[in-house]
Amino acid sequence: MRFWIHIFILLGALSCGNPANAASLKVGPAHFIVHNVEPGRLYNIFEETGLRLTIFNEDPVARTWSLRVSRPSERGTWEAGYGEIPEPAWCRFNNDTVTVPAGGKAYATLTLAVPNEERYYNQHWVATLTVGGQAEHGGIGLEVDIRMQIETKSHPDVSATPAGDLGIKPSILGFDHVRPGEGRNGQVILYNNTGEKHTYTLRSLLEDGSLDRSRYLTYPYRAMPDGTWASWTREVTIAAGASAAVPVQVLLPARLDARGQRWENIVLVEPDKGSMGFFRIQVNCPGKKD
């Protein structure tokens, strides 16, 4: 089972300049994504990927910090198209606190376990990991947040309706061995799991020039160079509790040298009111020997 992870090695840092009680807190990475999480499996993130949070202490005394997981709405904003993790307890630190020696560093590791239910396939969630709030008496209250994007395994054949107000199946629409000039067709199904009718607008998330693509793209795919290579229905209205199929076509230019390329487009699905979602279009082209 492949378990991909994208790591953004940025340090989230907070410090206090009171000379009598100087304290600093730096944590990395500031943000990461895990892909292909299968419901029903327990993952030790460090054992699976080598990722663990590194907590730095630049102070001349040891510091002890608390660790917790929460929904992102409790701690600010997050990436478009992702929902909040339904239950923060699915993601846990191995310990509730960590002590960092003076002038040193320490590590915090995580486990992740999504319940074994079909509705939890094809999901995109965010959890907020917080390091801070010194545990020792009289400690200075500092906190750093790390965003963890979680994408469960894409599965086109589950019988259950995907969880959330907006369900999408599959979450990844893959096209393999695509040759230039050769059209391919597929579809995703959108589920309106709310109690009222909604109209959904579908657009490429990658069209936003201000977007940090590294926060969305799946390794080892690159952004599709031309958005016209993939097409889909741009608007669909779905009754309360109903679903609708959205046809998708991929057509690469006939004269394109696409040997061995892997491209991705990300389609944001935005309702007239309520939560957004997205699905990925992934194109794999044959190599020189295929």
Protein backbone atom coordinates (compact mmCIF):
# COMPACT_ATOMS: atom_id res chain seq x y z
CA MET A 1 0.00 0.00 0.00
CA ARG A 2 1.59 3.29 -1.07
CA PHE A 3 1.37 6.04 1.50
CA TRP A 4 2.57 9.30 -0.04
CA ILE A 5 3.50 12.31 2.02
CA HIS A 6 4.38 15.86 1.00
CA ILE A 7 6.44 17.77 3.51
CA PHE A 8 6.82 21.55 3.65
CA ILE A 9 9.99 22.24 5.62
CA LEU A 10 9.08 25.60 7.05
CA LEU A 11 9.49 26.52 10.68
CA GLY A 12 6.49 27.81 12.56
CA ALA A 13 8.05 30.04 15.23
CA LEU A 14 6.91 32.01 18.25
CA SER A 15 9.05 33.78 20.84
CA CYS A 16 8.75 35.98 23.87
CA GLY A 17 11.26 38.72 24.54
CA ASN A 18 10.80 39.18 28.30
CA PRO A 19 14.41 39.04 29.61
CA ALA A 20 13.33 37.41 32.87
CA ASN A 21 11.28 34.65 31.23
CA ALA A 22 12.58 34.48 27.67
CA ALA A 23 11.07 31.55 25.79
CA SER A 24 11.06 30.46 22.16
CA LEU A 25 9.26 27.77 20.22
CA LYS A 26 10.09 26.63 16.70
CA VAL A 27 8.53 23.62 14.99
CA GLY A 28 8.94 22.05 11.56
CA PRO A 29 7.48 21.16 9.16
CA ALA A 30 4.77 23.81 9.22
CA HIS A 31 2.53 21.90 6.83
CA PHE A 32 2.29 18.46 5.19
CA ILE A 33 -0.05 16.23 3.18
CA VAL A 34 -0.63 12.50 3.47
CA HIS A 35 -2.22 10.69 0.50
CA ASN A 36 -3.81 7.30 -0.06
CA VAL A 37 -4.91 6.71 3.53
CA GLU A 38 -6.98 3.53 3.71
CA PRO A 39 -9.87 3.44 6.19
CA GLY A 40 -9.50 0.67 8.75
CA ARG A 41 -5.69 0.80 8.92
CA LEU A 42 -3.58 2.18 11.74
CA TYR A 43 -0.67 4.25 10.43
CA ASN A 44 2.40 5.27 12.38
CA ILE A 45 3.36 8.33 10.33
CA PHE A 46 7.05 8.14 11.25
CA GLU A 47 7.37 4.42 10.49
CA GLU A 48 5.49 4.79 7.19
CA THR A 49 7.17 7.96 5.91
CA GLY A 50 10.01 9.06 8.18
CA LEU A 51 8.10 12.23 9.09
CA ARG A 52 8.01 13.50 12.65
CA LEU A 53 7.65 16.99 14.05
CA THR A 54 10.92 18.55 15.12
CA ILE A 55 10.69 20.98 18.04
CA PHE A 56 13.63 23.33 18.58
CA ASN A 57 14.64 25.05 21.81
CA GLU A 58 17.03 28.00 21.57
CA ASP A 59 16.72 28.80 25.27
CA PRO A 60 19.32 28.09 27.99
CA VAL A 61 16.83 25.97 29.95
CA ALA A 62 14.74 22.92 29.03
CA ARG A 63 11.16 23.53 27.92
CA THR A 64 8.16 21.22 28.10
CA TRP A 65 5.32 21.66 25.62
CA SER A 66 1.89 20.11 25.28
CA LEU A 67 0.70 18.42 22.06
CA ARG A 68 -2.87 18.22 20.77
CA VAL A 69 -4.98 17.77 17.62
CA SER A 70 -8.06 19.84 16.77
CA ARG A 71 -10.36 20.81 13.91
CA PRO A 72 -9.01 23.69 11.81
CA SER A 73 -12.06 25.89 12.45
CA GLU A 74 -10.86 26.08 16.04
CA ARG A 75 -7.48 27.38 14.92
CA GLY A 76 -7.96 29.50 11.75
CA THR A 77 -8.26 28.90 7.98
CA TRP A 78 -7.18 26.08 5.66
CA GLU A 79 -6.85 25.08 2.00
CA ALA A 80 -9.83 25.35 -0.38
CA GLY A 81 -11.72 22.13 -1.09
CA TYR A 82 -10.74 20.36 2.12
CA GLY A 83 -13.19 19.67 4.93
CA GLU A 84 -12.49 19.41 8.61
CA ILE A 85 -11.47 16.04 9.98
CA PRO A 86 -14.73 14.57 11.38
CA GLU A 87 -13.04 13.41 14.59
CA PRO A 88 -9.67 14.89 15.70
CA ALA A 89 -9.02 11.81 17.87
CA TRP A 90 -8.38 9.79 14.68
CA CYS A 91 -5.01 11.53 14.62
CA ARG A 92 -2.99 11.24 17.83
CA PHE A 93 0.41 12.20 19.14
CA ASN A 94 2.23 9.28 20.73
CA ASN A 95 2.68 11.44 23.86
CA ASP A 96 0.73 14.38 25.26
CA THR A 97 3.86 16.40 26.09
CA VAL A 98 7.43 16.73 24.88
CA THR A 99 10.46 18.08 26.76
CA VAL A 100 13.14 19.79 24.70
CA PRO A 101 16.61 20.13 26.25
CA ALA A 102 18.30 23.50 26.48
CA GLY A 103 19.74 24.49 23.11
CA GLY A 104 18.53 21.24 21.59
CA LYS A 105 15.64 19.60 19.79
CA ALA A 106 13.10 16.86 20.35
CA TYR A 107 10.62 14.95 18.21
CA ALA A 108 6.89 14.27 18.25
CA THR A 109 5.38 11.36 16.33
CA LEU A 110 1.82 10.73 15.16
CA THR A 111 -0.57 7.90 14.46
CA LEU A 112 -3.57 8.08 12.14
CA ALA A 113 -6.52 5.69 12.02
CA VAL A 114 -9.66 6.42 9.96
CA PRO A 115 -12.58 4.08 10.86
CA ASN A 116 -13.20 1.15 8.56
CA GLU A 117 -16.29 2.54 6.83
CA GLU A 118 -16.82 2.78 3.07
CA ARG A 119 -18.10 6.36 3.31
CA TYR A 120 -14.64 7.50 4.41
CA TYR A 121 -13.00 6.65 1.08
CA ASN A 122 -12.58 9.56 -1.39
CA GLN A 123 -12.19 12.17 1.38
CA HIS A 124 -10.09 15.33 1.80
CA TRP A 125 -9.68 16.62 5.36
CA VAL A 126 -7.52 18.95 7.42
CA ALA A 127 -6.44 18.53 11.04
CA THR A 128 -4.56 21.12 13.09
CA LEU A 129 -1.62 19.91 15.18
CA THR A 130 -0.71 22.29 17.99
CA VAL A 131 2.52 22.44 19.99
CA GLY A 132 2.57 24.85 22.91
CA GLY A 133 1.22 25.88 26.29
CA GLN A 134 4.19 24.91 28.45
CA ALA A 135 3.33 22.16 30.90
CA GLU A 136 5.61 23.24 33.76
CA HIS A 137 4.28 25.61 36.43
CA GLY A 138 4.63 29.25 35.48
CA GLY A 139 5.43 28.48 31.85
CA ILE A 140 4.83 31.14 29.22
CA GLY A 141 1.92 30.37 26.91
CA LEU A 142 3.19 30.00 23.34
CA GLU A 143 1.65 27.91 20.56
CA VAL A 144 2.53 26.86 17.01
CA ASP A 145 0.01 25.26 14.62
CA ILE A 146 0.87 22.73 11.90
CA ARG A 147 -1.69 21.88 9.21
CA MET A 148 -2.02 18.23 8.23
CA GLN A 149 -3.95 17.55 5.02
CA ILE A 150 -5.33 14.02 4.87
CA GLU A 151 -6.53 12.38 1.65
CA THR A 152 -8.10 8.95 1.93
CA LYS A 153 -7.79 6.30 -0.76
CA SER A 154 -9.67 7.00 -3.99
CA HIS A 155 -12.18 4.23 -4.66
CA PRO A 156 -14.68 4.31 -7.56
CA ASP A 157 -16.65 1.22 -6.57
CA VAL A 158 -17.69 1.73 -2.95
CA SER A 159 -21.43 1.29 -2.48
CA ALA A 160 -21.76 3.78 0.38
CA THR A 161 -22.42 7.46 -0.28
CA PRO A 162 -19.25 9.45 0.46
CA ALA A 163 -19.28 11.32 3.77
CA GLY A 164 -19.82 15.07 3.96
CA ASP A 165 -22.35 17.59 2.66
CA LEU A 166 -20.71 17.22 -0.77
CA GLY A 167 -19.57 13.73 -1.69
CA ILE A 168 -17.35 12.99 -4.71
CA LYS A 169 -16.57 9.54 -6.16
CA PRO A 170 -13.87 8.81 -7.12
CA SER A 171 -11.60 11.47 -5.65
CA ILE A 172 -8.96 10.67 -8.31
CA LEU A 173 -9.92 10.10 -11.93
CA GLY A 174 -6.89 8.41 -13.46
CA PHE A 175 -6.09 7.98 -17.16
CA ASP A 176 -3.20 5.61 -17.89
CA HIS A 177 -1.17 5.15 -21.09
CA VAL A 178 -2.65 8.26 -22.69
CA ARG A 179 -1.10 9.02 -26.09
CA PRO A 180 -1.17 12.42 -27.85
CA GLY A 181 -4.21 12.81 -30.08
CA GLU A 182 -6.05 10.01 -28.28
CA GLY A 183 -9.17 11.07 -26.35
CA ARG A 184 -10.13 9.40 -23.08
CA ASN A 185 -13.45 9.63 -21.25
CA GLY A 186 -14.41 9.13 -17.63
CA GLN A 187 -16.78 10.47 -15.03
CA VAL A 188 -17.10 11.42 -11.39
CA ILE A 189 -20.29 11.34 -9.36
CA LEU A 190 -21.28 14.27 -7.15
CA TYR A 191 -23.53 13.65 -4.14
CA ASN A 192 -25.64 16.38 -2.59
CA ASN A 193 -25.97 15.07 0.95
CA THR A 194 -27.80 18.14 2.24
CA GLY A 195 -31.52 18.76 2.67
CA GLU A 196 -31.81 21.35 -0.13
CA LYS A 197 -31.10 21.68 -3.84
CA HIS A 198 -27.71 23.14 -4.83
CA THR A 199 -26.03 24.30 -8.00
CA TYR A 200 -22.34 23.43 -8.22
CA THR A 201 -19.70 25.27 -10.25
CA LEU A 202 -16.67 23.27 -11.38
CA ARG A 203 -13.37 24.96 -12.24
CA SER A 204 -9.67 24.17 -12.21
CA LEU A 205 -8.10 25.12 -8.92
CA LEU A 206 -4.79 25.55 -10.75
CA GLU A 207 -6.19 28.50 -12.72
CA ASP A 208 -5.64 30.64 -9.63
CA GLY A 209 -2.30 32.37 -10.26
CA SER A 210 -1.83 33.18 -6.57
CA LEU A 211 -2.20 29.54 -5.51
CA ASP A 212 0.77 27.76 -3.94
CA ARG A 213 0.56 24.64 -6.07
CA SER A 214 2.94 22.73 -3.84
CA ARG A 215 0.17 22.60 -1.24
CA TYR A 216 -2.08 20.63 -3.60
CA LEU A 217 -0.22 18.65 -6.26
CA THR A 218 0.37 14.94 -5.77
CA TYR A 219 3.93 13.63 -5.99
CA PRO A 220 5.29 12.85 -8.61
CA TYR A 221 2.73 14.67 -10.82
CA ARG A 222 3.22 18.13 -12.30
CA ALA A 223 0.50 20.65 -13.06
CA MET A 224 -1.11 20.08 -16.46
CA PRO A 225 0.58 22.72 -18.70
CA ASP A 226 -2.63 23.59 -20.54
CA GLY A 227 -6.01 23.47 -18.85
CA THR A 228 -7.77 22.77 -22.15
CA TRP A 229 -6.29 19.26 -22.25
CA ALA A 230 -9.03 18.23 -19.81
CA SER A 231 -12.69 19.22 -20.04
CA TRP A 232 -15.75 18.64 -17.88
CA THR A 233 -19.25 19.93 -17.22
CA ARG A 234 -18.86 23.40 -15.69
CA GLU A 235 -22.13 23.59 -13.79
CA VAL A 236 -24.58 21.05 -12.42
CA THR A 237 -27.71 21.33 -10.26
CA ILE A 238 -28.50 18.46 -7.89
CA ALA A 239 -31.66 17.97 -5.84
CA ALA A 240 -31.51 17.41 -2.09
CA GLY A 241 -30.21 13.94 -1.29
CA ALA A 242 -29.56 13.14 -4.97
CA SER A 243 -26.47 12.62 -7.13
CA ALA A 244 -25.31 13.45 -10.64
CA ALA A 245 -22.60 12.15 -12.98
CA VAL A 246 -20.10 14.65 -14.38
CA PRO A 247 -18.42 13.52 -17.63
CA VAL A 248 -14.69 14.26 -18.00
CA GLN A 249 -12.59 14.05 -21.16
CA VAL A 250 -8.82 14.16 -21.59
CA LEU A 251 -7.33 14.95 -25.02
CA LEU A 252 -3.64 15.74 -25.46
CA PRO A 253 -2.42 17.64 -28.58
CA ALA A 254 -1.52 15.27 -31.38
CA ARG A 255 2.02 16.63 -31.89
CA LEU A 256 2.90 16.76 -28.19
CA ASP A 257 6.01 14.96 -26.91
CA ALA A 258 4.44 13.46 -23.80
CA ARG A 259 6.68 10.43 -23.29
CA GLY A 260 6.86 9.42 -19.64
CA GLN A 261 4.97 12.50 -18.43
CA ARG A 262 2.65 12.57 -15.40
CA TRP A 263 0.25 15.48 -15.26
CA GLU A 264 -2.47 16.50 -12.85
CA ASN A 265 -5.37 18.92 -12.85
CA ILE A 266 -7.45 19.66 -9.75
CA VAL A 267 -11.14 20.44 -10.22
CA LEU A 268 -12.75 22.49 -7.45
CA VAL A 269 -16.47 21.82 -6.93
CA GLU A 270 -18.12 24.87 -5.36
CA PRO A 271 -21.81 24.91 -4.32
CA ASP A 272 -23.94 28.05 -4.27
CA LYS A 273 -23.91 27.62 -0.49
CA GLY A 274 -21.95 25.32 1.78
CA SER A 275 -18.79 23.24 1.69
CA MET A 276 -16.53 22.88 -1.35
CA GLY A 277 -14.76 19.76 -2.53
CA PHE A 278 -12.47 18.69 -5.36
CA PHE A 279 -11.31 15.79 -7.45
CA ARG A 280 -8.02 15.12 -9.19
CA ILE A 281 -7.51 14.31 -12.87
CA GLN A 282 -4.27 12.38 -13.30
CA VAL A 283 -2.78 11.58 -16.71
CA ASN A 284 0.02 9.05 -17.19
CA CYS A 285 1.71 8.90 -20.59
CA PRO A 286 3.69 5.90 -21.81
CA GLY A 287 7.47 6.08 -21.81
CA LYS A 288 9.84 5.46 -24.70
CA LYS A 289 9.54 1.67 -24.51
CA ASP A 290 5.75 1.48 -24.01
